[in-house]
Amino acid sequence: MKHSQPSKFKYLALLLIISAILFFGLDLFLGSVDIPFKNIFSILFGNATEKESWKIIIFQSRLPKAIAATLCGGALSVCGLQMQTLFRNPLAGPYILGISSGAGLGVAIFVMGLSFLGISSIGFTANSGIIISSILGSFGVLAILLSIINRLKDIMTVLILGIMIGSVITAIIGIIQYFSQDAQLKSFIMWTMGSLSSITSNELMLLAPIVIVGLILSFITSKNLNAYLLGESYAKSLGVNIKQSRIVIILITSVLTGSITAYCGPIGFIGIVIPHLARIISNSSDHRILIPLSILLGINVLLIADIISQLPGLDQSLPINSITSVRGIPFIIWIILKNKKIKNLN
C-alpha cells in the first residue's frame, strides 16, 4: 500500500505533463491570425516560414503569453498551497496577506502621478515604471507584516491583519481612482483585469528565474509544511523554527505573488482552487507530492483559461481574470458547503 501512492503520483504527473504540452501547443496555435500548425513548428525550430509576420506573432506575442501562463499557473498555485497550510484555512490564497493589493496601490500611485504631471496617455503595459511601482507596493506590505510578525504568537492574527491591510489599501485605491483622469483610470482598470498578453520576452527573462527559484525554495520547505499540518507543538518537537519558517514561507509567497502581479496583473482564484484539486486528485497531504502536483495542475488550468479567453474563432479576447473567476467561484462555494457539512457532522 505504501508503494501505491508514489506510483499513482508518477502516473498523474506524467499525464499532467503531457496535457500541459498539448495545451501549450494549442495556445500557440489559436489566435486572431490563422497560422498552420506545421508552420508554428518550423518557426519554433528556426526554419524558414511562408510569412515573416507569422514569426513576429509567435515570438513576440503567443510564445511569451504561453510561457507567462505556465509561470503564473505554477507560482500562484504553490503560493495558495503554502498559505492554506500555514494558516490552516481552506480559503487562504496568495492575495490573503494584501500583497496583491499593495501591488495595485503602487500601480495606482504611479498612474495618478502621471495624471498630475499632465500626461494623458502612456504605453501602460510597456512602461517599466509599472513593474517597479507594483513590486515596491508588494514589498511595502511585506515590510509591514515582517516588522510585526515576530511579536505575534497566533498566526491567524497575521491572516486577519493581511485582510485588514488589503481592505485599507482597496479604499485608498478607490480614492485615487476618483481623482484620476479617464485615460489613466481606464489603463489601471485594464491592469486589474489581468493579462498574459502584455508581457514581453525581455520581461520573461527576469520573471522566469524568480519563479523557478521561488518554486525550488517552496519544495525545500516541504518538510516544514508537513510538520505544520500536525500543529505548531509537533513542528517544534521536530526541530522546526516556527517564526523563521513563517518568515521564509511568507517571503517566498510575497516574491512570487508580487512579481506575477507586477507583470500580469492580479489573477484570482488559481491559488485557492488548485491546492484543493491537488489534494482531491492525489488523496495526499504530503507537500512533497502536493507542491509539484499543484504546479502541474496550475499550469494546465491557466493554459486552458488563456485558450478560452481568446474566444477561438473571433478577433476578440476576454480578461484572464474573468475566466479564472467564473471557473473558481463555483468551486469556492462547494468548498464552503463541504466544510459546513463536515462541521455539522461533528
Protein backbone atom coordinates (compact mmCIF):
# COMPACT_ATOMS: atom_id res chain seq x y z
CA MET A 1 0.00 0.00 0.00
CA LYS A 2 2.87 2.33 0.74
CA HIS A 3 4.24 1.90 -2.78
CA SER A 4 0.92 2.71 -4.48
CA GLN A 5 0.98 6.42 -3.56
CA PRO A 6 4.30 7.29 -5.28
CA SER A 7 3.27 5.14 -8.25
CA LYS A 8 -0.07 6.95 -8.53
CA PHE A 9 1.69 10.30 -8.33
CA LYS A 10 4.09 9.36 -11.14
CA TYR A 11 1.20 8.48 -13.45
CA LEU A 12 -0.64 11.67 -12.54
CA ALA A 13 2.47 13.78 -13.08
CA LEU A 14 3.17 12.16 -16.46
CA LEU A 15 -0.44 12.69 -17.57
CA LEU A 16 -0.37 16.35 -16.49
CA ILE A 17 2.97 16.96 -18.21
CA ILE A 18 1.61 15.54 -21.48
CA SER A 19 -1.62 17.57 -21.21
CA ALA A 20 0.36 20.75 -20.40
CA ILE A 21 2.45 20.26 -23.55
CA LEU A 22 -0.72 19.80 -25.62
CA PHE A 23 -2.40 22.87 -24.13
CA PHE A 24 0.81 24.87 -24.61
CA GLY A 25 0.83 23.95 -28.30
CA LEU A 26 -2.87 24.75 -28.62
CA ASP A 27 -2.27 28.14 -27.01
CA LEU A 28 0.35 28.87 -29.68
CA PHE A 29 -2.00 27.73 -32.44
CA LEU A 30 -5.10 29.74 -31.51
CA GLY A 31 -5.40 33.45 -32.19
CA SER A 32 -6.93 36.07 -34.44
CA VAL A 33 -4.40 35.20 -37.18
CA ASP A 34 -4.66 31.68 -38.59
CA ILE A 35 -1.19 30.07 -38.65
CA PRO A 36 -0.91 26.41 -39.79
CA PHE A 37 0.41 24.08 -37.09
CA LYS A 38 3.31 22.86 -39.24
CA ASN A 39 4.44 26.45 -39.74
CA ILE A 40 4.41 27.03 -35.98
CA PHE A 41 6.82 24.11 -35.52
CA SER A 42 9.03 25.44 -38.34
CA ILE A 43 9.14 28.87 -36.70
CA LEU A 44 9.95 27.45 -33.26
CA PHE A 45 12.83 25.40 -34.65
CA GLY A 46 14.22 28.34 -36.62
CA ASN A 47 13.27 27.12 -40.10
CA ALA A 48 12.01 29.24 -42.96
CA THR A 49 8.33 30.20 -42.96
CA GLU A 50 5.90 31.47 -45.60
CA LYS A 51 5.27 34.81 -43.92
CA GLU A 52 7.64 36.86 -41.78
CA SER A 53 4.65 38.28 -39.89
CA TRP A 54 3.89 34.81 -38.54
CA LYS A 55 7.30 34.66 -36.92
CA ILE A 56 6.70 38.02 -35.25
CA ILE A 57 3.30 36.89 -33.94
CA ILE A 58 4.72 33.66 -32.49
CA PHE A 59 7.88 35.06 -30.88
CA GLN A 60 6.56 38.43 -29.73
CA SER A 61 3.00 37.52 -28.74
CA ARG A 62 1.88 33.91 -28.49
CA LEU A 63 5.04 32.25 -27.13
CA PRO A 64 5.64 34.83 -24.34
CA LYS A 65 1.95 34.61 -23.44
CA ALA A 66 2.01 30.82 -23.20
CA ILE A 67 5.21 30.89 -21.13
CA ALA A 68 3.66 33.54 -18.86
CA ALA A 69 0.62 31.28 -18.34
CA THR A 70 2.96 28.43 -17.40
CA LEU A 71 4.87 30.54 -14.87
CA CYS A 72 1.76 32.19 -13.41
CA GLY A 73 -0.16 28.95 -13.04
CA GLY A 74 2.66 27.19 -11.22
CA ALA A 75 3.61 30.11 -8.98
CA LEU A 76 0.12 31.14 -7.86
CA SER A 77 -0.89 27.53 -7.16
CA VAL A 78 2.09 26.91 -4.88
CA CYS A 79 1.53 30.26 -3.12
CA GLY A 80 -2.05 29.23 -2.35
CA LEU A 81 -0.96 25.83 -1.07
CA GLN A 82 1.59 27.41 1.27
CA MET A 83 -0.90 29.94 2.62
CA GLN A 84 -3.60 27.30 3.22
CA THR A 85 -1.15 25.12 5.14
CA LEU A 86 0.45 27.96 7.08
CA PHE A 87 -2.87 29.47 8.17
CA ARG A 88 -4.74 26.12 8.26
CA ASN A 89 -7.50 27.84 6.31
CA PRO A 90 -9.04 26.27 3.17
CA LEU A 91 -9.86 29.69 1.70
CA ALA A 92 -6.41 31.22 2.11
CA GLY A 93 -4.74 32.28 -1.14
CA PRO A 94 -1.75 34.22 -2.43
CA TYR A 95 -3.64 37.53 -2.07
CA ILE A 96 -4.77 36.95 1.52
CA LEU A 97 -1.91 38.95 3.04
CA GLY A 98 -2.66 42.04 0.97
CA ILE A 99 0.40 41.60 -1.24
CA SER A 100 -1.64 41.94 -4.43
CA SER A 101 -3.42 44.97 -3.00
CA GLY A 102 -0.03 46.53 -2.28
CA ALA A 103 0.98 45.96 -5.90
CA GLY A 104 -2.25 47.59 -7.02
CA LEU A 105 -1.61 50.60 -4.79
CA GLY A 106 1.87 51.02 -6.25
CA VAL A 107 0.45 51.00 -9.78
CA ALA A 108 -2.39 53.38 -8.84
CA ILE A 109 0.06 55.88 -7.33
CA PHE A 110 2.26 55.66 -10.41
CA VAL A 111 -0.65 56.31 -12.78
CA MET A 112 -2.01 59.11 -10.58
CA GLY A 113 1.41 60.74 -10.55
CA LEU A 114 1.41 60.78 -14.34
CA SER A 115 -2.01 62.39 -14.27
CA PHE A 116 -0.75 65.22 -12.07
CA LEU A 117 2.17 65.73 -14.45
CA GLY A 118 -0.31 66.28 -17.27
CA ILE A 119 0.47 63.11 -19.19
CA SER A 120 -2.84 61.99 -20.66
CA SER A 121 -1.82 58.69 -22.24
CA ILE A 122 1.01 56.21 -21.89
CA GLY A 123 2.13 52.86 -23.20
CA PHE A 124 0.81 51.33 -19.99
CA THR A 125 1.90 47.74 -20.24
CA ALA A 126 5.30 48.56 -21.75
CA ASN A 127 6.31 51.10 -19.14
CA SER A 128 8.92 49.78 -16.72
CA GLY A 129 7.60 52.18 -14.07
CA ILE A 130 4.50 49.99 -13.72
CA ILE A 131 6.66 46.99 -12.89
CA ILE A 132 8.81 48.89 -10.38
CA SER A 133 5.84 50.52 -8.66
CA SER A 134 4.00 47.20 -8.41
CA ILE A 135 6.94 45.40 -6.82
CA LEU A 136 7.58 48.30 -4.43
CA GLY A 137 3.93 48.22 -3.37
CA SER A 138 4.10 44.47 -2.76
CA PHE A 139 7.23 44.74 -0.67
CA GLY A 140 5.76 47.69 1.23
CA VAL A 141 3.01 45.41 2.56
CA LEU A 142 5.60 42.67 3.17
CA ALA A 143 7.73 45.08 5.22
CA ILE A 144 4.75 45.93 7.43
CA LEU A 145 3.97 42.27 8.02
CA LEU A 146 7.56 41.25 8.71
CA SER A 147 8.01 44.14 11.16
CA ILE A 148 5.28 42.79 13.45
CA ILE A 149 5.17 39.05 12.73
CA ASN A 150 7.74 38.20 15.41
CA ARG A 151 5.58 39.89 18.03
CA LEU A 152 2.54 37.77 17.25
CA LYS A 153 2.02 34.37 18.83
CA ASP A 154 -1.12 33.46 16.88
CA ILE A 155 -0.56 33.01 13.13
CA MET A 156 -4.28 33.62 12.50
CA THR A 157 -3.75 37.18 13.66
CA VAL A 158 -1.41 37.67 10.70
CA LEU A 159 -4.16 36.40 8.41
CA ILE A 160 -6.66 38.88 9.83
CA LEU A 161 -4.07 41.64 9.64
CA GLY A 162 -3.46 40.87 5.97
CA ILE A 163 -7.19 41.10 5.22
CA MET A 164 -7.41 44.43 7.06
CA ILE A 165 -4.39 45.84 5.19
CA GLY A 166 -5.94 44.72 1.90
CA SER A 167 -9.22 46.46 2.78
CA VAL A 168 -7.49 49.72 3.70
CA ILE A 169 -5.42 49.65 0.51
CA THR A 170 -8.53 48.99 -1.59
CA ALA A 171 -10.16 52.06 -0.06
CA ILE A 172 -7.08 54.18 -0.84
CA ILE A 173 -7.06 52.90 -4.44
CA GLY A 174 -10.74 53.88 -4.73
CA ILE A 175 -9.88 57.45 -3.67
CA ILE A 176 -7.02 57.59 -6.18
CA GLN A 177 -9.34 56.34 -8.93
CA TYR A 178 -11.88 59.03 -8.09
CA PHE A 179 -9.36 61.81 -8.73
CA SER A 180 -7.62 60.27 -11.75
CA GLN A 181 -8.17 61.20 -15.39
CA ASP A 182 -10.14 58.97 -17.75
CA ALA A 183 -7.15 57.63 -19.69
CA GLN A 184 -5.21 56.63 -16.58
CA LEU A 185 -8.32 55.19 -14.92
CA LYS A 186 -9.02 53.02 -17.97
CA SER A 187 -5.42 51.78 -18.03
CA PHE A 188 -5.50 50.87 -14.36
CA ILE A 189 -8.82 49.04 -14.69
CA MET A 190 -7.41 47.05 -17.63
CA TRP A 191 -4.43 46.09 -15.46
CA THR A 192 -6.72 44.88 -12.65
CA MET A 193 -8.45 42.52 -15.09
CA GLY A 194 -5.20 40.59 -15.53
CA SER A 195 -3.45 39.94 -18.82
CA LEU A 196 -0.89 37.45 -20.03
CA SER A 197 -0.50 39.09 -23.43
CA SER A 198 1.21 42.23 -22.17
CA ILE A 199 4.40 40.51 -21.04
CA THR A 200 7.46 40.70 -23.31
CA SER A 201 10.36 38.33 -23.92
CA ASN A 202 12.75 40.62 -22.02
CA GLU A 203 10.42 40.69 -19.02
CA LEU A 204 10.18 36.90 -19.09
CA MET A 205 13.96 36.69 -18.80
CA LEU A 206 13.63 38.34 -15.38
CA LEU A 207 10.37 36.74 -14.29
CA ALA A 208 11.30 33.14 -15.16
CA PRO A 209 14.36 32.90 -12.84
CA ILE A 210 12.40 34.49 -9.98
CA VAL A 211 9.57 31.97 -10.35
CA ILE A 212 11.86 28.96 -10.81
CA VAL A 213 13.96 29.82 -7.75
CA GLY A 214 10.80 30.51 -5.73
CA LEU A 215 9.29 27.14 -6.66
CA ILE A 216 12.52 25.31 -5.77
CA LEU A 217 12.63 27.04 -2.38
CA SER A 218 8.96 26.16 -1.87
CA PHE A 219 9.72 22.48 -2.40
CA ILE A 220 12.61 22.71 0.06
CA THR A 221 10.10 23.88 2.71
CA SER A 222 8.01 20.70 2.21
CA LYS A 223 9.23 19.17 5.47
CA ASN A 224 8.24 22.24 7.50
CA LEU A 225 4.85 22.44 5.77
CA ASN A 226 4.18 18.78 6.53
CA ALA A 227 5.05 19.40 10.18
CA TYR A 228 2.65 22.38 10.29
CA LEU A 229 -0.24 20.07 9.40
CA LEU A 230 0.07 18.35 12.80
CA GLY A 231 0.26 21.60 14.76
CA GLU A 232 2.96 24.01 15.88
CA SER A 233 3.78 21.99 19.01
CA TYR A 234 4.54 18.92 16.91
CA ALA A 235 6.54 21.02 14.45
CA LYS A 236 8.64 22.38 17.32
CA SER A 237 9.28 18.85 18.58
CA LEU A 238 10.75 18.05 15.15
CA GLY A 239 13.15 20.96 15.47
CA VAL A 240 11.27 23.37 13.20
CA ASN A 241 11.90 27.04 13.97
CA ILE A 242 8.31 28.30 13.78
CA LYS A 243 8.99 32.04 13.48
CA GLN A 244 11.78 31.58 10.96
CA SER A 245 9.68 29.19 8.89
CA ARG A 246 6.77 31.65 8.85
CA ILE A 247 9.00 34.43 7.57
CA VAL A 248 10.58 32.22 4.89
CA ILE A 249 7.21 30.94 3.64
CA ILE A 250 5.65 34.42 3.61
CA LEU A 251 8.75 35.85 1.90
CA ILE A 252 8.62 33.20 -0.86
CA THR A 253 4.89 33.76 -1.33
CA SER A 254 5.31 37.54 -1.42
CA VAL A 255 8.09 37.49 -4.01
CA LEU A 256 6.22 35.05 -6.26
CA THR A 257 2.87 36.81 -5.94
CA GLY A 258 4.37 40.30 -6.23
CA SER A 259 6.39 39.52 -9.36
CA ILE A 260 3.50 37.72 -11.09
CA THR A 261 1.07 40.53 -10.21
CA ALA A 262 3.51 43.16 -11.43
CA TYR A 263 3.83 41.65 -14.89
CA CYS A 264 0.39 40.11 -15.43
CA GLY A 265 -1.94 41.95 -13.07
CA PRO A 266 -3.98 40.25 -10.33
CA ILE A 267 -5.16 36.79 -11.40
CA GLY A 268 -7.62 35.44 -8.86
CA PHE A 269 -8.83 32.05 -7.62
CA ILE A 270 -5.96 29.98 -9.06
CA GLY A 271 -4.20 29.99 -5.70
CA ILE A 272 -7.34 28.95 -3.82
CA VAL A 273 -8.74 26.31 -6.15
CA ILE A 274 -5.67 24.42 -7.40
CA PRO A 275 -4.34 23.21 -3.98
CA HIS A 276 -7.76 21.67 -3.26
CA LEU A 277 -7.76 19.92 -6.65
CA ALA A 278 -4.28 18.58 -5.91
CA ARG A 279 -5.43 17.15 -2.57
CA ILE A 280 -8.55 15.60 -4.08
CA ILE A 281 -6.76 14.03 -7.04
CA SER A 282 -3.75 12.74 -5.08
CA ASN A 283 -5.63 11.91 -1.86
CA SER A 284 -2.47 13.02 -0.07
CA SER A 285 -1.39 15.70 2.38
CA ASP A 286 2.34 15.26 1.72
CA HIS A 287 3.72 18.52 0.33
CA ARG A 288 6.46 16.63 -1.49
CA ILE A 289 3.60 15.40 -3.68
CA LEU A 290 1.24 18.38 -3.41
CA ILE A 291 3.74 21.05 -4.48
CA PRO A 292 4.78 19.50 -7.84
CA LEU A 293 1.18 18.36 -8.44
CA SER A 294 -0.13 21.88 -7.75
CA ILE A 295 2.45 23.31 -10.16
CA LEU A 296 1.36 20.97 -12.95
CA LEU A 297 -2.35 21.49 -12.29
CA GLY A 298 -1.91 25.26 -12.16
CA ILE A 299 -0.06 25.26 -15.47
CA ASN A 300 -2.81 23.21 -17.13
CA VAL A 301 -5.67 25.25 -15.71
CA LEU A 302 -4.20 28.65 -16.60
CA LEU A 303 -3.29 27.50 -20.12
CA ILE A 304 -6.90 26.34 -20.56
CA ALA A 305 -8.15 29.66 -19.19
CA ASP A 306 -5.93 31.54 -21.65
CA ILE A 307 -7.22 29.42 -24.53
CA ILE A 308 -10.83 30.11 -23.53
CA SER A 309 -10.13 33.83 -23.06
CA GLN A 310 -9.06 34.12 -26.70
CA LEU A 311 -12.61 33.26 -27.85
CA PRO A 312 -11.39 30.88 -30.61
CA GLY A 313 -12.80 31.85 -33.98
CA LEU A 314 -13.26 35.51 -33.03
CA ASP A 315 -10.94 38.52 -33.08
CA GLN A 316 -11.81 39.48 -29.51
CA SER A 317 -10.43 38.23 -26.20
CA LEU A 318 -11.65 38.25 -22.60
CA PRO A 319 -9.69 39.32 -19.48
CA ILE A 320 -7.98 36.29 -17.99
CA ASN A 321 -9.20 37.25 -14.51
CA SER A 322 -12.81 36.96 -15.70
CA ILE A 323 -12.23 33.38 -16.86
CA THR A 324 -10.50 32.27 -13.64
CA SER A 325 -13.22 33.93 -11.53
CA VAL A 326 -16.10 32.29 -13.41
CA ARG A 327 -14.43 28.90 -13.06
CA GLY A 328 -13.22 29.45 -9.50
CA ILE A 329 -16.27 30.88 -7.71
CA PRO A 330 -18.45 27.71 -8.01
CA PHE A 331 -15.55 25.68 -6.62
CA ILE A 332 -15.18 28.06 -3.66
CA ILE A 333 -18.90 27.74 -2.91
CA TRP A 334 -18.52 23.94 -2.98
CA ILE A 335 -15.57 24.14 -0.54
CA ILE A 336 -17.60 26.29 1.88
CA LEU A 337 -20.63 23.96 1.73
CA LYS A 338 -18.42 20.89 2.15
CA ASN A 339 -16.70 22.33 5.23
CA LYS A 340 -20.08 23.30 6.71
CA LYS A 341 -21.36 19.73 6.28
CA ILE A 342 -18.25 18.37 7.95
CA LYS A 343 -18.73 20.71 10.92
CA ASN A 344 -22.40 19.72 11.21
CA LEU A 345 -21.47 16.04 11.24
CA ASN A 346 -19.04 16.71 14.05
